[in-house]
N, C-alpha and C. Protein backbone atom coordinates (compact mmCIF):
# COMPACT_ATOMS: atom_id res chain seq x y z
N MET A 1 44.00 43.68 10.54
CA MET A 1 45.00 42.56 10.75
C MET A 1 45.88 42.48 9.67
N THR A 2 47.19 42.46 9.81
CA THR A 2 48.23 42.42 8.81
C THR A 2 48.31 41.03 8.24
N PHE A 3 49.07 40.87 7.18
CA PHE A 3 49.19 39.53 6.58
C PHE A 3 49.77 38.58 7.52
N CYS A 4 50.87 39.05 8.23
CA CYS A 4 51.55 38.05 9.06
C CYS A 4 50.64 37.70 10.31
N ASP A 5 49.93 38.69 10.81
CA ASP A 5 48.99 38.40 11.90
C ASP A 5 47.97 37.21 11.42
N ASP A 6 47.43 37.51 10.15
CA ASP A 6 46.46 36.58 9.67
C ASP A 6 47.02 35.23 9.44
N ILE A 7 48.14 35.07 8.74
CA ILE A 7 48.69 33.86 8.46
C ILE A 7 49.24 33.08 9.65
N GLU A 8 49.68 33.81 10.67
CA GLU A 8 50.10 33.14 11.91
C GLU A 8 48.83 32.59 12.58
N ALA A 9 47.71 33.28 12.51
CA ALA A 9 46.49 32.68 13.16
C ALA A 9 46.02 31.49 12.42
N ARG A 10 46.37 31.38 11.11
CA ARG A 10 46.04 30.24 10.25
C ARG A 10 47.10 29.10 10.42
N SER A 11 48.17 29.38 11.10
CA SER A 11 49.26 28.45 11.26
C SER A 11 49.38 28.09 12.77
N THR A 12 48.22 28.23 13.55
CA THR A 12 48.42 28.05 14.99
C THR A 12 48.89 26.59 15.25
N LEU A 13 48.34 25.60 14.60
CA LEU A 13 48.61 24.14 14.89
C LEU A 13 50.19 23.94 14.69
N GLN A 14 50.72 24.47 13.62
CA GLN A 14 52.07 24.34 13.41
C GLN A 14 52.95 25.04 14.36
N ARG A 15 52.55 26.25 14.69
CA ARG A 15 53.33 26.95 15.62
C ARG A 15 53.31 26.34 17.03
N GLU A 16 52.17 25.88 17.46
CA GLU A 16 52.16 25.16 18.73
C GLU A 16 52.97 23.89 18.66
N ALA A 17 53.05 23.19 17.56
CA ALA A 17 53.86 22.02 17.40
C ALA A 17 55.25 22.35 17.54
N MET A 18 55.68 23.45 16.95
CA MET A 18 57.06 23.96 17.07
C MET A 18 57.49 24.21 18.54
N MET A 19 56.57 25.04 19.18
CA MET A 19 56.90 25.51 20.55
C MET A 19 56.89 24.34 21.58
N ARG A 20 56.12 23.36 21.39
CA ARG A 20 55.94 22.16 22.25
C ARG A 20 56.64 20.94 21.88
N HIS A 21 57.45 21.00 20.79
CA HIS A 21 58.16 19.89 20.44
C HIS A 21 59.12 19.37 21.45
N PRO A 22 59.32 18.04 21.55
CA PRO A 22 60.15 17.44 22.55
C PRO A 22 61.53 17.89 22.44
N PHE A 23 61.93 18.16 21.12
CA PHE A 23 63.33 18.66 20.94
C PHE A 23 63.53 20.04 21.61
N VAL A 24 62.57 20.94 21.35
CA VAL A 24 62.58 22.32 22.04
C VAL A 24 62.51 22.23 23.55
N LEU A 25 61.63 21.48 24.00
CA LEU A 25 61.41 21.31 25.46
C LEU A 25 62.66 20.72 26.05
N GLY A 26 63.27 19.77 25.38
CA GLY A 26 64.56 19.24 25.83
C GLY A 26 65.62 20.26 25.97
N ILE A 27 65.72 21.21 25.06
CA ILE A 27 66.61 22.22 25.20
C ILE A 27 66.33 23.06 26.48
N GLY A 28 65.02 23.42 26.58
CA GLY A 28 64.63 24.11 27.77
C GLY A 28 64.92 23.60 29.06
N ASP A 29 64.77 22.34 29.23
CA ASP A 29 65.00 21.82 30.64
C ASP A 29 66.45 21.08 30.69
N GLY A 30 67.10 21.05 29.61
CA GLY A 30 68.53 20.53 29.71
C GLY A 30 68.55 19.10 29.47
N SER A 31 67.43 18.37 29.11
CA SER A 31 67.37 16.95 29.03
C SER A 31 67.72 16.36 27.63
N LEU A 32 67.80 17.31 26.63
CA LEU A 32 68.01 16.86 25.24
C LEU A 32 69.37 16.16 25.21
N SER A 33 69.43 15.07 24.49
CA SER A 33 70.71 14.23 24.36
C SER A 33 71.66 15.04 23.52
N ASP A 34 73.05 14.87 23.84
CA ASP A 34 74.02 15.47 23.07
C ASP A 34 74.02 15.03 21.58
N GLU A 35 73.63 13.82 21.35
CA GLU A 35 73.56 13.27 20.06
C GLU A 35 72.60 14.00 19.26
N ARG A 36 71.38 14.17 19.74
CA ARG A 36 70.35 14.90 18.95
C ARG A 36 70.73 16.41 18.69
N PHE A 37 71.36 16.97 19.73
CA PHE A 37 71.70 18.47 19.56
C PHE A 37 72.81 18.56 18.48
N LYS A 38 73.86 17.68 18.50
CA LYS A 38 74.85 17.73 17.59
C LYS A 38 74.35 17.47 16.16
N HIS A 39 73.34 16.61 16.08
CA HIS A 39 72.78 16.34 14.75
C HIS A 39 72.07 17.60 14.25
N PHE A 40 71.32 18.17 15.14
CA PHE A 40 70.66 19.49 14.79
C PHE A 40 71.63 20.61 14.28
N MET A 41 72.80 20.75 15.07
CA MET A 41 73.71 21.70 14.80
C MET A 41 74.49 21.48 13.46
N THR A 42 74.80 20.34 13.09
CA THR A 42 75.40 20.10 11.81
C THR A 42 74.39 20.22 10.66
N GLN A 43 73.18 19.96 10.88
CA GLN A 43 72.14 20.21 9.76
C GLN A 43 71.92 21.68 9.73
N ASP A 44 71.81 22.29 10.87
CA ASP A 44 71.62 23.76 10.85
C ASP A 44 72.74 24.50 10.18
N TYR A 45 73.95 24.04 10.17
CA TYR A 45 75.09 24.56 9.45
C TYR A 45 74.80 24.49 7.89
N LEU A 46 74.36 23.38 7.44
CA LEU A 46 73.97 23.32 6.06
C LEU A 46 72.86 24.19 5.67
N TYR A 47 71.92 24.29 6.53
CA TYR A 47 70.72 25.09 6.29
C TYR A 47 71.20 26.54 6.17
N LEU A 48 72.02 27.06 7.08
CA LEU A 48 72.57 28.44 7.03
C LEU A 48 73.15 28.82 5.64
N ILE A 49 73.93 27.74 5.09
CA ILE A 49 74.61 28.04 3.87
C ILE A 49 73.61 28.42 2.77
N ASP A 50 72.53 27.56 2.58
CA ASP A 50 71.51 27.83 1.61
C ASP A 50 70.61 29.03 2.02
N TYR A 51 70.48 29.23 3.31
CA TYR A 51 69.72 30.40 3.76
C TYR A 51 70.38 31.65 3.31
N ALA A 52 71.60 31.73 3.33
CA ALA A 52 72.44 32.84 2.84
C ALA A 52 72.24 33.05 1.42
N ARG A 53 72.15 32.03 0.69
CA ARG A 53 71.90 32.11 -0.87
C ARG A 53 70.37 32.71 -1.02
N VAL A 54 69.53 32.27 -0.23
CA VAL A 54 68.14 32.90 -0.33
C VAL A 54 68.13 34.31 -0.01
N LEU A 55 68.89 34.70 1.06
CA LEU A 55 68.97 36.19 1.37
C LEU A 55 69.62 36.95 0.33
N ALA A 56 70.66 36.34 -0.32
CA ALA A 56 71.31 37.07 -1.43
C ALA A 56 70.38 37.34 -2.55
N MET A 57 69.46 36.43 -2.93
CA MET A 57 68.52 36.59 -3.88
C MET A 57 67.44 37.64 -3.45
N GLY A 58 67.22 37.77 -2.15
CA GLY A 58 66.37 38.77 -1.67
C GLY A 58 66.96 40.20 -2.05
N THR A 59 68.23 40.35 -1.96
CA THR A 59 68.88 41.60 -2.33
C THR A 59 68.50 41.87 -3.81
N VAL A 60 68.51 40.83 -4.63
CA VAL A 60 68.29 41.04 -6.10
C VAL A 60 66.83 41.42 -6.32
N LYS A 61 65.94 40.82 -5.53
CA LYS A 61 64.45 40.94 -5.80
C LYS A 61 63.84 42.09 -4.93
N ALA A 62 64.57 42.63 -4.04
CA ALA A 62 64.07 43.63 -3.12
C ALA A 62 63.52 44.93 -3.96
N PRO A 63 62.37 45.51 -3.46
CA PRO A 63 61.72 46.49 -4.25
C PRO A 63 62.31 47.86 -4.08
N ASP A 64 63.30 48.13 -3.18
CA ASP A 64 63.78 49.42 -2.88
C ASP A 64 65.21 49.29 -2.24
N LEU A 65 65.87 50.49 -2.25
CA LEU A 65 67.20 50.41 -1.60
C LEU A 65 67.30 50.07 -0.17
N PRO A 66 66.39 50.56 0.71
CA PRO A 66 66.47 50.12 2.21
C PRO A 66 66.32 48.70 2.29
N THR A 67 65.48 48.11 1.57
CA THR A 67 65.26 46.56 1.69
C THR A 67 66.49 45.89 1.12
N MET A 68 67.04 46.41 0.03
CA MET A 68 68.29 45.71 -0.51
C MET A 68 69.33 45.81 0.56
N SER A 69 69.45 46.92 1.22
CA SER A 69 70.49 47.12 2.22
C SER A 69 70.28 46.12 3.40
N TRP A 70 69.02 45.89 3.81
CA TRP A 70 68.80 45.04 4.92
C TRP A 70 69.14 43.51 4.48
N PHE A 71 68.79 43.12 3.37
CA PHE A 71 69.09 41.69 2.93
C PHE A 71 70.62 41.69 2.71
N ALA A 72 71.24 42.73 2.14
CA ALA A 72 72.74 42.57 1.99
C ALA A 72 73.42 42.53 3.25
N GLY A 73 73.01 43.21 4.30
CA GLY A 73 73.47 43.20 5.61
C GLY A 73 73.32 41.81 6.25
N ALA A 74 72.15 41.25 6.03
CA ALA A 74 71.84 39.83 6.55
C ALA A 74 72.85 38.88 6.03
N VAL A 75 73.01 38.93 4.61
CA VAL A 75 73.99 38.03 3.98
C VAL A 75 75.30 38.14 4.61
N ASP A 76 75.78 39.32 4.66
CA ASP A 76 77.17 39.59 5.25
C ASP A 76 77.25 39.08 6.65
N TYR A 77 76.17 39.21 7.46
CA TYR A 77 76.32 38.76 8.82
C TYR A 77 76.40 37.27 8.90
N ILE A 78 75.58 36.64 8.16
CA ILE A 78 75.54 35.15 8.11
C ILE A 78 76.92 34.63 7.61
N LEU A 79 77.44 35.14 6.51
CA LEU A 79 78.67 34.59 6.00
C LEU A 79 79.93 34.91 6.79
N ASN A 80 79.93 36.12 7.27
CA ASN A 80 81.21 36.63 7.87
C ASN A 80 81.16 36.72 9.43
N THR A 81 79.96 36.42 10.04
CA THR A 81 79.90 36.51 11.52
C THR A 81 79.20 35.21 12.02
N GLU A 82 78.05 34.96 11.63
CA GLU A 82 77.30 33.88 12.21
C GLU A 82 78.00 32.50 11.93
N MET A 83 78.43 32.35 10.65
CA MET A 83 79.06 31.01 10.33
C MET A 83 80.24 30.78 11.19
N ASP A 84 81.03 31.79 11.52
CA ASP A 84 82.18 31.61 12.36
C ASP A 84 81.73 31.36 13.75
N LEU A 85 80.69 32.00 14.21
CA LEU A 85 80.09 31.72 15.61
C LEU A 85 79.56 30.22 15.59
N HIS A 86 78.94 29.82 14.53
CA HIS A 86 78.39 28.46 14.46
C HIS A 86 79.53 27.51 14.61
N ARG A 87 80.67 27.73 13.83
CA ARG A 87 81.80 26.76 13.82
C ARG A 87 82.35 26.71 15.21
N SER A 88 82.49 27.91 15.80
CA SER A 88 83.11 28.05 17.19
C SER A 88 82.26 27.21 18.22
N TYR A 89 80.89 27.50 18.14
CA TYR A 89 79.99 26.83 19.05
C TYR A 89 80.11 25.34 18.91
N CYS A 90 80.07 24.89 17.62
CA CYS A 90 80.15 23.51 17.44
C CYS A 90 81.34 22.87 17.91
N ALA A 91 82.53 23.54 17.84
CA ALA A 91 83.79 23.06 18.38
C ALA A 91 83.69 22.93 19.92
N GLY A 92 82.91 23.84 20.47
CA GLY A 92 82.72 23.84 21.89
C GLY A 92 81.91 22.66 22.41
N ILE A 93 81.10 21.96 21.56
CA ILE A 93 80.30 20.83 21.93
C ILE A 93 80.78 19.49 21.24
N GLY A 94 82.01 19.67 20.73
CA GLY A 94 82.67 18.39 20.28
C GLY A 94 82.51 18.06 18.84
N ILE A 95 82.15 19.08 18.02
CA ILE A 95 81.96 18.79 16.58
C ILE A 95 83.26 19.47 15.88
N SER A 96 84.03 18.68 15.31
CA SER A 96 85.19 19.13 14.76
C SER A 96 85.03 19.83 13.34
N PRO A 97 85.81 20.83 12.90
CA PRO A 97 85.58 21.46 11.59
C PRO A 97 85.51 20.42 10.56
N SER A 98 86.23 19.39 10.51
CA SER A 98 86.30 18.33 9.41
C SER A 98 84.92 17.60 9.40
N GLU A 99 84.44 17.34 10.66
CA GLU A 99 83.07 16.62 10.82
C GLU A 99 81.90 17.56 10.32
N LEU A 100 82.04 18.86 10.57
CA LEU A 100 81.06 19.80 10.15
C LEU A 100 81.04 19.91 8.64
N GLU A 101 82.26 20.02 8.07
CA GLU A 101 82.31 20.22 6.60
C GLU A 101 81.89 18.97 5.90
N ALA A 102 82.01 17.83 6.45
CA ALA A 102 81.65 16.57 5.84
C ALA A 102 80.20 16.16 5.95
N THR A 103 79.39 17.00 6.60
CA THR A 103 77.99 16.72 6.98
C THR A 103 77.27 16.63 5.64
N VAL A 104 76.40 15.60 5.53
CA VAL A 104 75.47 15.40 4.33
C VAL A 104 74.06 15.84 4.66
N HIS A 105 73.42 16.59 3.92
CA HIS A 105 71.96 16.96 4.12
C HIS A 105 71.20 15.70 4.47
N ALA A 106 70.51 15.74 5.66
CA ALA A 106 69.44 14.78 5.84
C ALA A 106 68.29 15.06 4.87
N PRO A 107 67.38 14.09 4.69
CA PRO A 107 66.29 14.31 3.74
C PRO A 107 65.46 15.55 4.08
N THR A 108 65.08 15.84 5.26
CA THR A 108 64.24 16.96 5.62
C THR A 108 65.08 18.25 5.35
N THR A 109 66.31 18.36 5.64
CA THR A 109 67.11 19.47 5.36
C THR A 109 67.17 19.78 3.92
N TYR A 110 67.44 18.68 3.24
CA TYR A 110 67.45 18.86 1.70
C TYR A 110 66.17 19.33 1.06
N SER A 111 65.11 18.70 1.61
CA SER A 111 63.78 19.10 1.06
C SER A 111 63.47 20.62 1.36
N TYR A 112 63.79 20.95 2.64
CA TYR A 112 63.39 22.44 3.10
C TYR A 112 64.24 23.47 2.39
N THR A 113 65.58 23.17 2.26
CA THR A 113 66.34 24.16 1.61
C THR A 113 66.07 24.11 0.03
N SER A 114 65.78 23.01 -0.40
CA SER A 114 65.31 22.98 -1.99
C SER A 114 64.15 23.72 -2.14
N PHE A 115 63.19 23.65 -1.24
CA PHE A 115 61.89 24.51 -1.33
C PHE A 115 62.29 25.89 -1.29
N LEU A 116 63.07 26.38 -0.37
CA LEU A 116 63.45 27.80 -0.32
C LEU A 116 64.08 28.25 -1.56
N LEU A 117 64.93 27.51 -2.10
CA LEU A 117 65.78 27.89 -3.27
C LEU A 117 64.87 27.90 -4.58
N ARG A 118 63.72 27.04 -4.50
CA ARG A 118 62.84 27.00 -5.62
C ARG A 118 62.00 28.36 -5.51
N VAL A 119 61.62 28.67 -4.36
CA VAL A 119 60.82 29.86 -4.09
C VAL A 119 61.64 31.10 -4.67
N VAL A 120 62.87 31.26 -4.34
CA VAL A 120 63.61 32.48 -4.72
C VAL A 120 63.91 32.47 -6.32
N GLN A 121 63.91 31.18 -6.86
CA GLN A 121 64.11 31.18 -8.25
C GLN A 121 62.87 31.66 -9.12
N ILE A 122 61.78 31.17 -8.74
CA ILE A 122 60.54 31.37 -9.58
C ILE A 122 59.49 32.23 -9.01
N GLY A 123 59.58 32.59 -7.67
CA GLY A 123 58.59 33.41 -7.02
C GLY A 123 58.96 34.84 -6.88
N SER A 124 57.91 35.63 -6.41
CA SER A 124 58.08 37.10 -6.27
C SER A 124 58.90 37.37 -4.93
N PHE A 125 59.22 38.58 -4.83
CA PHE A 125 59.78 39.08 -3.53
C PHE A 125 58.83 38.76 -2.35
N GLY A 126 57.66 38.98 -2.52
CA GLY A 126 56.64 38.66 -1.56
C GLY A 126 56.65 37.20 -1.10
N GLU A 127 56.79 36.27 -2.03
CA GLU A 127 56.84 34.88 -1.69
C GLU A 127 58.16 34.63 -0.92
N LEU A 128 59.24 35.17 -1.44
CA LEU A 128 60.54 35.02 -0.84
C LEU A 128 60.51 35.44 0.65
N ILE A 129 60.09 36.64 0.92
CA ILE A 129 60.02 37.00 2.42
C ILE A 129 59.08 36.25 3.15
N ALA A 130 57.96 35.84 2.55
CA ALA A 130 56.88 34.96 3.30
C ALA A 130 57.56 33.63 3.66
N ALA A 131 58.40 33.12 2.83
CA ALA A 131 59.09 31.82 3.06
C ALA A 131 60.13 31.90 4.11
N LEU A 132 60.69 33.14 4.32
CA LEU A 132 61.75 33.36 5.32
C LEU A 132 61.25 33.66 6.72
N VAL A 133 60.08 34.36 6.88
CA VAL A 133 59.58 34.70 8.15
C VAL A 133 59.37 33.62 9.14
N PRO A 134 58.74 32.49 8.74
CA PRO A 134 58.51 31.44 9.66
C PRO A 134 59.74 30.97 10.56
N CYS A 135 60.85 30.90 9.83
CA CYS A 135 62.08 30.53 10.60
C CYS A 135 62.52 31.67 11.55
N ILE A 136 62.62 32.87 11.04
CA ILE A 136 63.10 34.02 11.78
C ILE A 136 62.19 34.26 13.04
N TRP A 137 60.91 34.39 12.71
CA TRP A 137 59.97 34.58 13.81
C TRP A 137 59.96 33.45 14.75
N GLY A 138 60.01 32.18 14.26
CA GLY A 138 59.88 31.02 15.05
C GLY A 138 60.94 30.88 16.07
N TYR A 139 62.24 31.12 15.67
CA TYR A 139 63.45 30.90 16.44
C TYR A 139 63.36 31.98 17.62
N TRP A 140 62.96 33.20 17.27
CA TRP A 140 62.84 34.25 18.30
C TRP A 140 61.76 33.85 19.38
N GLN A 141 60.71 33.44 18.84
CA GLN A 141 59.62 32.96 19.80
C GLN A 141 60.07 31.75 20.62
N VAL A 142 60.62 30.78 20.14
CA VAL A 142 61.23 29.66 20.93
C VAL A 142 62.18 30.17 21.96
N GLY A 143 63.22 30.99 21.45
CA GLY A 143 64.16 31.57 22.38
C GLY A 143 63.59 32.28 23.50
N LYS A 144 62.63 33.20 23.26
CA LYS A 144 61.92 33.96 24.27
C LYS A 144 61.15 33.16 25.25
N MET A 145 60.48 32.09 24.78
CA MET A 145 59.68 31.21 25.66
C MET A 145 60.64 30.54 26.59
N LEU A 146 61.75 29.90 26.04
CA LEU A 146 62.63 29.16 26.92
C LEU A 146 63.37 30.13 27.85
N ASP A 147 63.74 31.33 27.39
CA ASP A 147 64.42 32.22 28.34
C ASP A 147 63.46 32.71 29.44
N ASP A 148 62.27 32.93 29.14
CA ASP A 148 61.28 33.31 30.18
C ASP A 148 61.06 32.30 31.17
N ALA A 149 61.17 30.95 30.75
CA ALA A 149 61.02 29.88 31.68
C ALA A 149 62.24 29.66 32.44
N GLY A 150 63.44 30.38 32.07
CA GLY A 150 64.68 30.15 32.77
C GLY A 150 65.52 29.17 32.14
N PRO A 151 66.59 29.54 31.56
CA PRO A 151 67.56 28.60 30.93
C PRO A 151 68.07 27.62 31.87
N PRO A 152 68.37 26.36 31.35
CA PRO A 152 68.78 25.23 32.23
C PRO A 152 70.12 25.42 32.78
N LYS A 153 70.26 25.44 34.12
CA LYS A 153 71.59 25.53 34.62
C LYS A 153 72.46 24.41 34.53
N SER A 154 71.79 23.18 34.23
CA SER A 154 72.58 21.98 34.16
C SER A 154 73.24 21.75 32.77
N ALA A 155 72.75 22.66 31.87
CA ALA A 155 73.20 22.55 30.41
C ALA A 155 73.62 23.97 29.82
N PRO A 156 74.78 24.35 30.19
CA PRO A 156 75.25 25.75 29.68
C PRO A 156 75.31 25.87 28.28
N GLN A 157 75.49 24.78 27.51
CA GLN A 157 75.52 24.90 26.05
C GLN A 157 74.11 25.26 25.51
N TYR A 158 73.04 24.72 26.06
CA TYR A 158 71.70 25.00 25.78
C TYR A 158 71.25 26.39 26.15
N ALA A 159 71.79 26.82 27.45
CA ALA A 159 71.42 28.13 27.93
C ALA A 159 72.06 29.26 26.92
N GLU A 160 73.20 28.97 26.48
CA GLU A 160 73.89 29.86 25.48
C GLU A 160 72.94 29.91 24.20
N TRP A 161 72.55 28.75 23.80
CA TRP A 161 71.69 28.84 22.49
C TRP A 161 70.45 29.58 22.72
N ILE A 162 69.85 29.40 23.87
CA ILE A 162 68.59 30.10 24.18
C ILE A 162 68.82 31.62 24.20
N ARG A 163 69.89 32.03 24.95
CA ARG A 163 70.26 33.50 24.88
C ARG A 163 70.39 34.11 23.64
N THR A 164 70.95 33.33 22.63
CA THR A 164 71.22 33.84 21.31
C THR A 164 69.90 34.17 20.64
N TYR A 165 68.91 33.25 20.70
CA TYR A 165 67.56 33.49 20.03
C TYR A 165 66.60 34.33 20.81
N ALA A 166 66.92 34.50 22.10
CA ALA A 166 66.01 35.42 22.90
C ALA A 166 66.52 36.86 22.98
N SER A 167 67.63 37.08 22.30
CA SER A 167 68.29 38.40 22.37
C SER A 167 67.43 39.46 21.73
N GLU A 168 67.64 40.77 22.07
CA GLU A 168 67.08 41.84 21.48
C GLU A 168 67.29 42.03 19.95
N GLU A 169 68.64 41.49 19.59
CA GLU A 169 68.99 41.52 18.15
C GLU A 169 68.11 40.58 17.43
N SER A 170 67.87 39.40 17.99
CA SER A 170 67.03 38.47 17.30
C SER A 170 65.58 38.91 17.26
N LYS A 171 65.10 39.52 18.24
CA LYS A 171 63.71 40.16 18.15
C LYS A 171 63.64 41.26 17.17
N THR A 172 64.65 42.12 17.06
CA THR A 172 64.68 43.24 16.06
C THR A 172 64.59 42.61 14.60
N VAL A 173 65.43 41.61 14.35
CA VAL A 173 65.44 40.98 13.01
C VAL A 173 64.10 40.40 12.71
N ALA A 174 63.44 39.80 13.73
CA ALA A 174 62.22 39.07 13.47
C ALA A 174 61.12 40.11 13.04
N LEU A 175 61.10 41.18 13.91
CA LEU A 175 60.17 42.25 13.64
C LEU A 175 60.28 42.89 12.32
N GLU A 176 61.57 43.16 11.91
CA GLU A 176 61.84 43.79 10.75
C GLU A 176 61.43 42.88 9.52
N ALA A 177 61.69 41.57 9.62
CA ALA A 177 61.34 40.63 8.58
C ALA A 177 59.82 40.59 8.43
N ARG A 178 59.07 40.61 9.56
CA ARG A 178 57.60 40.66 9.42
C ARG A 178 57.10 41.95 8.73
N GLU A 179 57.79 43.04 9.06
CA GLU A 179 57.32 44.34 8.56
C GLU A 179 57.58 44.32 7.01
N PHE A 180 58.77 43.77 6.53
CA PHE A 180 58.92 43.58 5.02
C PHE A 180 57.78 42.67 4.42
N CYS A 181 57.43 41.62 5.15
CA CYS A 181 56.47 40.76 4.58
C CYS A 181 55.09 41.39 4.51
N ASP A 182 54.74 42.15 5.55
CA ASP A 182 53.39 42.88 5.62
C ASP A 182 53.31 43.96 4.50
N ARG A 183 54.47 44.62 4.34
CA ARG A 183 54.57 45.63 3.33
C ARG A 183 54.34 45.08 1.89
N ALA A 184 55.07 43.91 1.65
CA ALA A 184 54.89 43.31 0.31
C ALA A 184 53.52 42.84 0.06
N ALA A 185 52.77 42.47 1.19
CA ALA A 185 51.38 41.87 0.96
C ALA A 185 50.49 43.10 0.75
N GLN A 186 50.79 44.24 1.22
CA GLN A 186 49.89 45.43 1.10
C GLN A 186 49.48 45.73 -0.40
N ASP A 187 50.54 45.67 -1.18
CA ASP A 187 50.30 46.02 -2.71
C ASP A 187 50.29 44.76 -3.48
N ALA A 188 50.12 43.57 -2.98
CA ALA A 188 50.05 42.29 -3.71
C ALA A 188 48.59 42.04 -4.20
N ALA A 189 48.62 41.48 -5.40
CA ALA A 189 47.34 41.05 -6.01
C ALA A 189 46.93 39.77 -5.25
N PRO A 190 45.58 39.32 -5.41
CA PRO A 190 45.09 38.25 -4.68
C PRO A 190 45.89 36.99 -5.10
N SER A 191 46.33 36.76 -6.27
CA SER A 191 47.12 35.67 -6.73
C SER A 191 48.42 35.63 -5.88
N GLU A 192 49.15 36.77 -5.76
CA GLU A 192 50.35 36.73 -5.03
C GLU A 192 50.11 36.54 -3.55
N ILE A 193 49.04 37.07 -3.04
CA ILE A 193 48.71 36.77 -1.59
C ILE A 193 48.55 35.34 -1.41
N ALA A 194 48.02 34.65 -2.28
CA ALA A 194 47.76 33.19 -2.20
C ALA A 194 48.99 32.46 -2.17
N ALA A 195 49.95 32.83 -3.12
CA ALA A 195 51.28 32.37 -3.11
C ALA A 195 52.14 32.59 -1.99
N MET A 196 52.03 33.81 -1.43
CA MET A 196 52.73 34.13 -0.16
C MET A 196 52.20 33.18 1.00
N SER A 197 50.88 33.06 1.02
CA SER A 197 50.41 32.27 2.07
C SER A 197 50.77 30.80 1.98
N GLU A 198 50.81 30.24 0.72
CA GLU A 198 51.33 28.97 0.61
C GLU A 198 52.75 28.70 1.00
N ALA A 199 53.54 29.71 0.64
CA ALA A 199 54.95 29.62 1.03
C ALA A 199 55.15 29.65 2.47
N TYR A 200 54.43 30.48 3.17
CA TYR A 200 54.57 30.75 4.66
C TYR A 200 54.00 29.49 5.30
N ILE A 201 52.97 28.90 4.92
CA ILE A 201 52.37 27.72 5.65
C ILE A 201 53.30 26.62 5.38
N THR A 202 53.76 26.43 4.14
CA THR A 202 54.75 25.35 3.86
C THR A 202 55.91 25.42 4.88
N CYS A 203 56.47 26.58 5.03
CA CYS A 203 57.67 26.83 5.74
C CYS A 203 57.42 26.54 7.22
N THR A 204 56.21 26.87 7.63
CA THR A 204 55.96 26.54 9.13
C THR A 204 55.84 24.96 9.30
N ARG A 205 55.43 24.26 8.27
CA ARG A 205 55.35 22.74 8.37
C ARG A 205 56.78 22.25 8.26
N TYR A 206 57.65 22.85 7.54
CA TYR A 206 59.05 22.56 7.43
C TYR A 206 59.85 22.80 8.76
N GLU A 207 59.42 23.90 9.42
CA GLU A 207 60.00 24.17 10.75
C GLU A 207 59.82 23.04 11.67
N VAL A 208 58.45 22.54 11.76
CA VAL A 208 58.23 21.42 12.66
C VAL A 208 58.94 20.19 12.23
N ALA A 209 59.02 19.97 10.92
CA ALA A 209 59.73 18.76 10.35
C ALA A 209 61.20 18.88 10.75
N PHE A 210 61.78 20.11 10.73
CA PHE A 210 63.23 20.21 11.06
C PHE A 210 63.56 19.74 12.51
N TRP A 211 62.67 20.17 13.40
CA TRP A 211 62.88 19.72 14.78
C TRP A 211 62.74 18.21 14.89
N GLN A 212 61.72 17.65 14.20
CA GLN A 212 61.56 16.23 14.20
C GLN A 212 62.73 15.40 13.55
N MET A 213 63.22 16.06 12.50
CA MET A 213 64.51 15.47 11.77
C MET A 213 65.61 15.36 12.89
N ALA A 214 65.86 16.44 13.61
CA ALA A 214 66.97 16.38 14.65
C ALA A 214 66.50 15.33 15.81
N TRP A 215 65.27 15.32 16.13
CA TRP A 215 64.84 14.46 17.28
C TRP A 215 65.07 12.93 16.78
N ASP A 216 64.76 12.63 15.47
CA ASP A 216 64.76 11.35 14.96
C ASP A 216 66.28 10.90 14.51
N LEU A 217 67.18 11.91 14.66
CA LEU A 217 68.51 11.59 13.99
C LEU A 217 68.41 11.15 12.65
N GLU A 218 67.52 11.82 11.86
CA GLU A 218 67.27 11.43 10.47
C GLU A 218 68.44 11.38 9.59
N GLU A 219 68.56 10.28 8.80
CA GLU A 219 69.58 10.13 7.84
C GLU A 219 68.99 9.47 6.57
N TRP A 220 69.74 9.56 5.47
CA TRP A 220 69.22 8.80 4.35
C TRP A 220 69.16 7.27 4.53
N PRO A 221 68.14 6.61 3.96
CA PRO A 221 68.24 5.13 4.13
C PRO A 221 69.42 4.47 3.53
N ALA A 222 69.93 3.49 4.12
CA ALA A 222 71.21 2.87 3.61
C ALA A 222 70.96 2.32 2.25
């Protein structure tokens, strides 16, 4: 059993909570309110910005040139392709560029991205990739589950979101990230394995919390 197989088995409750969260199921059947989805998309925009920073540090900490190349490519894709796609998608659902740029981190978004940035600053490469896999793997799994069930015909904006994360490209990236994580764990000392496990499990919890943040329309207290 690989590291990712083992840690996923130990994260079953969190993974099931992600897959069966009412926000996710609402995307799947088209019943999710526009307000909740817009809140998610604006917060996800902020998440992507810090996610790109984390990937950039992965290039610095990568153990070899092929891994550096993968992380550098991922940074380039997010900054020069995915961010434009995200802005375009947001415009299509009624979120203006000015509204998107004025978004303030919700408490959960701020906590999640702060944790990721902390890991890349003080942790090893193994901890870094272990912290990234829950998001990459989880979104592909959610996309595949919803796509297998049939995207909602009544909500084309959600069907498009589902197709994005159910794509072969999304699957390939998820499998590659897991491979990097498993490879890092192969040569890791027990103390690093423990740190990788903590980072992975913490981020599975944050993934559940991120769905809940969007569901609750979470904002800072007045």
